[in-house]
Amino acid sequence: MKGSRVVLFALALGLLARDVPLSAHHGGSDYDQQHLVTLKGTVTEFDWTNPHVQIFLDVKDGSGKLTNWGIEGSAPAVLKRAGWRAETLHSGDQVTLTVAPSKKGTAVAALRKAVLPDGKELSSGQLGEQPTQ
C-alpha cells in the first residue's frame, strides 16, 4: 500500500512539474504586441531548434552603440510551413526584422516578420500573419 502511494505521489508531482514550465514558457504577455519595432542588423547566430527558433542580431542605434538582440521565433515546424528553412539565415547576413519587443525594455523580442538579404519577406508563421510580398 505504501509503495503504491509513493508511485501515485511521484506521478502527480511529475504531472505538475510538466505543466508549470509550459504555462510560464508560453507567456505571450512578455512581448508588446501592440507596438512592433523594426530592427536592421547583422545576424550573429541562427539556432533552428525546438521549442523556438532563436535569432541573435547585432543592431546599431542612432549613436552607433551596438546591441545584440535575442529574437524568439516560432517552432521550426511552424516556420517551415511559412517558408523558412534551417539554412535561411547565416551569421553575417544583413536582415530587417519586425518584432514585438519585450515589455521589460530588454533587448529580447518575438519575431513577427523578416526581410532576408535577397529581399524575400517571410512571416513568423503565426495565425493571421502573412508576408506582404
N, C-alpha and C. Protein backbone atom coordinates (compact mmCIF):
# COMPACT_ATOMS: atom_id res chain seq x y z
N MET A 1 0.82 -1.20 0.00
CA MET A 1 0.00 0.00 0.00
C MET A 1 0.87 1.26 0.00
N LYS A 2 1.90 1.25 0.87
CA LYS A 2 2.78 2.41 0.94
C LYS A 2 3.50 2.65 -0.38
N GLY A 3 3.93 1.58 -1.05
CA GLY A 3 4.61 1.71 -2.33
C GLY A 3 3.73 2.30 -3.40
N SER A 4 2.45 1.94 -3.43
CA SER A 4 1.55 2.49 -4.45
C SER A 4 1.28 3.97 -4.21
N ARG A 5 1.26 4.39 -2.92
CA ARG A 5 1.07 5.82 -2.63
C ARG A 5 2.29 6.63 -3.09
N VAL A 6 3.46 6.07 -2.92
CA VAL A 6 4.69 6.73 -3.36
C VAL A 6 4.68 6.88 -4.88
N VAL A 7 4.26 5.83 -5.57
CA VAL A 7 4.19 5.88 -7.03
C VAL A 7 3.16 6.92 -7.47
N LEU A 8 1.99 6.94 -6.85
CA LEU A 8 0.96 7.93 -7.20
C LEU A 8 1.44 9.36 -6.92
N PHE A 9 2.12 9.55 -5.79
CA PHE A 9 2.64 10.87 -5.46
C PHE A 9 3.68 11.31 -6.49
N ALA A 10 4.57 10.40 -6.85
CA ALA A 10 5.60 10.72 -7.83
C ALA A 10 4.97 11.05 -9.19
N LEU A 11 3.95 10.31 -9.56
CA LEU A 11 3.25 10.57 -10.82
C LEU A 11 2.58 11.93 -10.80
N ALA A 12 1.89 12.24 -9.71
CA ALA A 12 1.22 13.54 -9.59
C ALA A 12 2.24 14.69 -9.62
N LEU A 13 3.35 14.51 -8.91
CA LEU A 13 4.38 15.53 -8.89
C LEU A 13 4.98 15.72 -10.29
N GLY A 14 5.19 14.63 -11.00
CA GLY A 14 5.70 14.72 -12.36
C GLY A 14 4.76 15.46 -13.29
N LEU A 15 3.47 15.22 -13.16
CA LEU A 15 2.49 15.92 -14.00
C LEU A 15 2.46 17.40 -13.68
N LEU A 16 2.53 17.74 -12.40
CA LEU A 16 2.57 19.16 -12.02
C LEU A 16 3.83 19.84 -12.54
N ALA A 17 4.94 19.19 -12.39
CA ALA A 17 6.21 19.77 -12.85
C ALA A 17 6.21 19.96 -14.36
N ARG A 18 5.54 19.09 -15.07
CA ARG A 18 5.47 19.19 -16.52
C ARG A 18 4.64 20.40 -16.93
N ASP A 19 3.56 20.69 -16.23
CA ASP A 19 2.65 21.76 -16.62
C ASP A 19 3.14 23.15 -16.22
N VAL A 20 3.88 23.28 -15.14
CA VAL A 20 4.32 24.60 -14.69
C VAL A 20 5.22 25.28 -15.71
N PRO A 21 6.26 24.64 -16.26
CA PRO A 21 7.09 25.32 -17.24
C PRO A 21 6.31 25.69 -18.51
N LEU A 22 5.34 24.88 -18.89
CA LEU A 22 4.57 25.20 -20.09
C LEU A 22 3.80 26.49 -19.92
N SER A 23 3.14 26.66 -18.79
CA SER A 23 2.36 27.88 -18.59
C SER A 23 3.28 29.09 -18.49
N ALA A 24 4.43 28.93 -17.85
CA ALA A 24 5.36 30.04 -17.74
C ALA A 24 6.01 30.34 -19.08
N HIS A 25 6.34 29.31 -19.84
CA HIS A 25 7.05 29.45 -21.10
C HIS A 25 6.20 30.13 -22.16
N HIS A 26 4.93 29.84 -22.19
CA HIS A 26 4.07 30.38 -23.23
C HIS A 26 3.38 31.66 -22.80
N GLY A 27 4.11 32.51 -22.10
CA GLY A 27 3.58 33.78 -21.64
C GLY A 27 3.72 34.84 -22.71
N GLY A 28 2.83 34.87 -23.69
CA GLY A 28 2.86 35.86 -24.76
C GLY A 28 2.76 37.28 -24.24
N SER A 29 2.37 37.42 -22.97
CA SER A 29 2.24 38.75 -22.39
C SER A 29 3.60 39.39 -22.12
N ASP A 30 4.69 38.65 -22.32
CA ASP A 30 6.03 39.21 -22.13
C ASP A 30 6.40 40.20 -23.22
N TYR A 31 5.71 40.14 -24.35
CA TYR A 31 6.03 40.97 -25.51
C TYR A 31 4.92 41.96 -25.80
N ASP A 32 5.31 43.14 -26.26
CA ASP A 32 4.36 44.20 -26.58
C ASP A 32 3.87 44.02 -28.02
N GLN A 33 2.77 43.32 -28.17
CA GLN A 33 2.22 43.00 -29.50
C GLN A 33 1.62 44.24 -30.18
N GLN A 34 1.35 45.28 -29.42
CA GLN A 34 0.71 46.47 -29.98
C GLN A 34 1.70 47.49 -30.55
N HIS A 35 2.96 47.38 -30.19
CA HIS A 35 3.96 48.36 -30.62
C HIS A 35 5.16 47.64 -31.23
N LEU A 36 4.97 47.16 -32.45
CA LEU A 36 6.02 46.43 -33.14
C LEU A 36 7.19 47.36 -33.48
N VAL A 37 8.39 46.79 -33.52
CA VAL A 37 9.62 47.54 -33.77
C VAL A 37 10.33 46.89 -34.96
N THR A 38 10.96 47.72 -35.78
CA THR A 38 11.76 47.20 -36.90
C THR A 38 13.23 47.30 -36.54
N LEU A 39 13.92 46.17 -36.63
CA LEU A 39 15.35 46.10 -36.33
C LEU A 39 16.11 45.76 -37.60
N LYS A 40 17.12 46.56 -37.93
CA LYS A 40 18.00 46.27 -39.06
C LYS A 40 19.37 45.96 -38.49
N GLY A 41 19.91 44.80 -38.88
CA GLY A 41 21.20 44.45 -38.31
C GLY A 41 21.82 43.23 -38.95
N THR A 42 22.85 42.72 -38.26
CA THR A 42 23.64 41.59 -38.74
C THR A 42 23.36 40.37 -37.88
N VAL A 43 23.02 39.27 -38.53
CA VAL A 43 22.79 38.02 -37.82
C VAL A 43 24.11 37.54 -37.23
N THR A 44 24.10 37.25 -35.92
CA THR A 44 25.29 36.69 -35.28
C THR A 44 25.12 35.20 -35.03
N GLU A 45 23.85 34.76 -34.94
CA GLU A 45 23.58 33.33 -34.71
C GLU A 45 22.14 33.04 -35.11
N PHE A 46 21.92 31.85 -35.66
CA PHE A 46 20.58 31.38 -36.03
C PHE A 46 20.46 29.94 -35.56
N ASP A 47 19.67 29.74 -34.50
CA ASP A 47 19.51 28.42 -33.90
C ASP A 47 18.16 27.83 -34.31
N TRP A 48 18.19 26.83 -35.17
CA TRP A 48 17.00 26.16 -35.67
C TRP A 48 16.72 24.98 -34.74
N THR A 49 16.16 25.27 -33.57
CA THR A 49 15.93 24.24 -32.56
C THR A 49 14.57 24.41 -31.92
N ASN A 50 14.07 23.32 -31.37
CA ASN A 50 12.83 23.36 -30.59
C ASN A 50 13.14 23.84 -29.18
N PRO A 51 12.24 24.46 -28.47
CA PRO A 51 10.85 24.65 -28.88
C PRO A 51 10.64 25.89 -29.75
N HIS A 52 11.63 26.80 -29.78
CA HIS A 52 11.52 28.01 -30.59
C HIS A 52 12.85 28.30 -31.26
N VAL A 53 12.79 28.69 -32.51
CA VAL A 53 13.98 29.12 -33.23
C VAL A 53 14.46 30.43 -32.60
N GLN A 54 15.76 30.61 -32.52
CA GLN A 54 16.35 31.82 -31.96
C GLN A 54 17.22 32.51 -33.01
N ILE A 55 17.05 33.82 -33.11
CA ILE A 55 17.88 34.64 -33.99
C ILE A 55 18.58 35.66 -33.09
N PHE A 56 19.89 35.76 -33.22
CA PHE A 56 20.63 36.78 -32.50
C PHE A 56 21.12 37.79 -33.52
N LEU A 57 20.85 39.07 -33.24
CA LEU A 57 21.05 40.13 -34.22
C LEU A 57 21.79 41.30 -33.59
N ASP A 58 22.92 41.71 -34.20
CA ASP A 58 23.62 42.92 -33.78
C ASP A 58 22.96 44.12 -34.45
N VAL A 59 22.50 45.06 -33.63
CA VAL A 59 21.80 46.24 -34.13
C VAL A 59 22.48 47.48 -33.58
N LYS A 60 22.80 48.45 -34.47
CA LYS A 60 23.37 49.72 -34.06
C LYS A 60 22.25 50.74 -33.90
N ASP A 61 22.30 51.49 -32.79
CA ASP A 61 21.32 52.55 -32.61
C ASP A 61 21.83 53.83 -33.28
N GLY A 62 21.09 54.91 -33.16
CA GLY A 62 21.44 56.17 -33.80
C GLY A 62 22.79 56.72 -33.41
N SER A 63 23.26 56.39 -32.20
CA SER A 63 24.56 56.90 -31.74
C SER A 63 25.70 55.94 -32.08
N GLY A 64 25.38 54.82 -32.72
CA GLY A 64 26.41 53.85 -33.10
C GLY A 64 26.64 52.75 -32.08
N LYS A 65 25.89 52.79 -30.96
CA LYS A 65 26.03 51.75 -29.95
C LYS A 65 25.47 50.43 -30.47
N LEU A 66 26.24 49.36 -30.32
CA LEU A 66 25.86 48.04 -30.80
C LEU A 66 25.18 47.24 -29.69
N THR A 67 24.01 46.69 -30.00
CA THR A 67 23.28 45.85 -29.05
C THR A 67 22.97 44.53 -29.73
N ASN A 68 23.21 43.42 -29.02
CA ASN A 68 22.87 42.10 -29.56
C ASN A 68 21.48 41.73 -29.04
N TRP A 69 20.53 41.63 -29.96
CA TRP A 69 19.16 41.28 -29.64
C TRP A 69 18.96 39.77 -29.72
N GLY A 70 18.15 39.24 -28.83
CA GLY A 70 17.73 37.84 -28.88
C GLY A 70 16.29 37.81 -29.35
N ILE A 71 16.06 37.23 -30.52
CA ILE A 71 14.73 37.20 -31.12
C ILE A 71 14.20 35.77 -31.08
N GLU A 72 13.04 35.60 -30.47
CA GLU A 72 12.41 34.29 -30.38
C GLU A 72 11.44 34.12 -31.55
N GLY A 73 11.65 33.06 -32.31
CA GLY A 73 10.76 32.74 -33.41
C GLY A 73 9.78 31.65 -33.01
N SER A 74 8.99 31.22 -33.95
CA SER A 74 8.07 30.11 -33.73
C SER A 74 8.86 28.80 -33.72
N ALA A 75 8.16 27.71 -33.52
CA ALA A 75 8.78 26.39 -33.59
C ALA A 75 9.25 26.13 -35.02
N PRO A 76 10.31 25.33 -35.21
CA PRO A 76 10.79 25.04 -36.56
C PRO A 76 9.69 24.54 -37.50
N ALA A 77 8.79 23.69 -37.03
CA ALA A 77 7.72 23.16 -37.89
C ALA A 77 6.80 24.28 -38.37
N VAL A 78 6.50 25.23 -37.50
CA VAL A 78 5.64 26.36 -37.88
C VAL A 78 6.35 27.25 -38.90
N LEU A 79 7.62 27.55 -38.63
CA LEU A 79 8.38 28.38 -39.57
C LEU A 79 8.57 27.69 -40.91
N LYS A 80 8.75 26.39 -40.89
CA LYS A 80 8.92 25.64 -42.15
C LYS A 80 7.68 25.81 -43.03
N ARG A 81 6.50 25.74 -42.44
CA ARG A 81 5.26 25.94 -43.21
C ARG A 81 5.16 27.36 -43.77
N ALA A 82 5.85 28.31 -43.12
CA ALA A 82 5.85 29.71 -43.58
C ALA A 82 6.97 29.98 -44.58
N GLY A 83 7.75 28.93 -44.95
CA GLY A 83 8.78 29.10 -45.96
C GLY A 83 10.20 29.16 -45.44
N TRP A 84 10.39 29.11 -44.13
CA TRP A 84 11.72 29.13 -43.54
C TRP A 84 12.38 27.76 -43.66
N ARG A 85 13.71 27.74 -43.60
CA ARG A 85 14.50 26.51 -43.56
C ARG A 85 15.65 26.71 -42.58
N ALA A 86 16.27 25.64 -42.19
CA ALA A 86 17.42 25.73 -41.27
C ALA A 86 18.54 26.56 -41.88
N GLU A 87 18.57 26.66 -43.22
CA GLU A 87 19.63 27.41 -43.92
C GLU A 87 19.18 28.81 -44.32
N THR A 88 18.03 29.27 -43.85
CA THR A 88 17.51 30.58 -44.27
C THR A 88 18.44 31.72 -43.87
N LEU A 89 18.97 31.67 -42.66
CA LEU A 89 19.85 32.74 -42.18
C LEU A 89 21.21 32.19 -41.83
N HIS A 90 22.21 33.03 -42.00
CA HIS A 90 23.60 32.68 -41.66
C HIS A 90 24.24 33.85 -40.92
N SER A 91 25.22 33.56 -40.10
CA SER A 91 25.97 34.62 -39.45
C SER A 91 26.53 35.56 -40.51
N GLY A 92 26.39 36.85 -40.27
CA GLY A 92 26.86 37.85 -41.22
C GLY A 92 25.78 38.39 -42.14
N ASP A 93 24.64 37.70 -42.25
CA ASP A 93 23.55 38.18 -43.10
C ASP A 93 22.99 39.50 -42.55
N GLN A 94 22.71 40.43 -43.47
CA GLN A 94 22.06 41.68 -43.12
C GLN A 94 20.56 41.50 -43.32
N VAL A 95 19.78 41.66 -42.25
CA VAL A 95 18.34 41.43 -42.32
C VAL A 95 17.59 42.56 -41.63
N THR A 96 16.31 42.62 -41.94
CA THR A 96 15.40 43.53 -41.26
C THR A 96 14.31 42.68 -40.64
N LEU A 97 14.15 42.79 -39.33
CA LEU A 97 13.16 42.01 -38.61
C LEU A 97 12.12 42.94 -37.99
N THR A 98 10.87 42.58 -38.13
CA THR A 98 9.80 43.25 -37.40
C THR A 98 9.51 42.37 -36.20
N VAL A 99 9.55 42.97 -35.01
CA VAL A 99 9.43 42.19 -33.79
C VAL A 99 8.48 42.86 -32.80
N ALA A 100 7.98 42.05 -31.88
CA ALA A 100 7.25 42.55 -30.72
C ALA A 100 8.27 42.59 -29.59
N PRO A 101 8.65 43.80 -29.13
CA PRO A 101 9.72 43.90 -28.13
C PRO A 101 9.26 43.48 -26.74
N SER A 102 10.24 43.18 -25.90
CA SER A 102 9.96 42.83 -24.51
C SER A 102 9.31 44.02 -23.81
N LYS A 103 8.34 43.73 -22.98
CA LYS A 103 7.70 44.79 -22.19
C LYS A 103 8.64 45.29 -21.09
N LYS A 104 9.69 44.54 -20.82
CA LYS A 104 10.64 44.91 -19.76
C LYS A 104 11.72 45.86 -20.26
N GLY A 105 11.74 46.15 -21.56
CA GLY A 105 12.73 47.06 -22.11
C GLY A 105 14.08 46.43 -22.38
N THR A 106 14.17 45.12 -22.31
CA THR A 106 15.42 44.43 -22.59
C THR A 106 15.51 44.15 -24.09
N ALA A 107 16.69 43.75 -24.53
CA ALA A 107 16.93 43.51 -25.96
C ALA A 107 16.53 42.10 -26.37
N VAL A 108 15.29 41.75 -26.05
CA VAL A 108 14.70 40.49 -26.49
C VAL A 108 13.35 40.80 -27.11
N ALA A 109 12.93 39.94 -28.04
CA ALA A 109 11.69 40.21 -28.75
C ALA A 109 11.16 38.93 -29.38
N ALA A 110 9.93 39.02 -29.85
CA ALA A 110 9.30 37.91 -30.57
C ALA A 110 9.20 38.29 -32.05
N LEU A 111 9.63 37.38 -32.90
CA LEU A 111 9.63 37.61 -34.35
C LEU A 111 8.22 37.72 -34.91
N ARG A 112 8.00 38.68 -35.79
CA ARG A 112 6.74 38.81 -36.50
C ARG A 112 6.94 38.72 -38.01
N LYS A 113 8.06 39.26 -38.51
CA LYS A 113 8.31 39.26 -39.96
C LYS A 113 9.80 39.46 -40.19
N ALA A 114 10.28 38.92 -41.30
CA ALA A 114 11.69 39.09 -41.66
C ALA A 114 11.82 39.46 -43.12
N VAL A 115 12.74 40.37 -43.42
CA VAL A 115 13.13 40.66 -44.79
C VAL A 115 14.56 40.16 -44.92
N LEU A 116 14.75 39.17 -45.79
CA LEU A 116 16.03 38.50 -45.95
C LEU A 116 16.99 39.31 -46.81
N PRO A 117 18.26 38.94 -46.86
CA PRO A 117 19.24 39.69 -47.66
C PRO A 117 18.84 39.83 -49.13
N ASP A 118 18.13 38.83 -49.68
CA ASP A 118 17.72 38.90 -51.09
C ASP A 118 16.41 39.66 -51.29
N GLY A 119 15.86 40.23 -50.21
CA GLY A 119 14.62 40.99 -50.29
C GLY A 119 13.36 40.16 -50.06
N LYS A 120 13.51 38.86 -49.99
CA LYS A 120 12.36 38.00 -49.74
C LYS A 120 11.83 38.25 -48.34
N GLU A 121 10.51 38.28 -48.22
CA GLU A 121 9.88 38.53 -46.94
C GLU A 121 9.21 37.26 -46.43
N LEU A 122 9.45 36.94 -45.17
CA LEU A 122 8.84 35.77 -44.55
C LEU A 122 8.13 36.17 -43.27
N SER A 123 6.99 35.54 -43.01
CA SER A 123 6.25 35.80 -41.78
C SER A 123 6.77 34.89 -40.67
N SER A 124 6.26 35.10 -39.48
CA SER A 124 6.64 34.27 -38.34
C SER A 124 5.87 32.95 -38.34
N GLY A 125 4.91 32.81 -39.24
CA GLY A 125 4.13 31.59 -39.31
C GLY A 125 2.96 31.57 -38.34
N GLN A 126 2.81 32.62 -37.53
CA GLN A 126 1.69 32.67 -36.60
C GLN A 126 0.39 32.92 -37.36
N LEU A 127 -0.71 32.44 -36.81
CA LEU A 127 -2.01 32.62 -37.46
C LEU A 127 -2.26 34.09 -37.75
N GLY A 128 -2.73 34.37 -38.95
CA GLY A 128 -3.08 35.72 -39.34
C GLY A 128 -1.93 36.57 -39.82
N GLU A 129 -0.72 36.06 -39.75
CA GLU A 129 0.45 36.85 -40.21
C GLU A 129 0.91 36.33 -41.56
N GLN A 130 0.91 37.20 -42.52
CA GLN A 130 1.32 36.85 -43.88
C GLN A 130 2.38 37.84 -44.34
N PRO A 131 3.33 37.37 -45.15
CA PRO A 131 4.29 38.33 -45.72
C PRO A 131 3.57 39.25 -46.69
N THR A 132 4.12 40.44 -46.90
CA THR A 132 3.46 41.41 -47.78
C THR A 132 3.88 41.25 -49.22
N GLN A 133 4.86 40.42 -49.52
CA GLN A 133 5.29 40.24 -50.91
C GLN A 133 4.71 38.98 -51.47
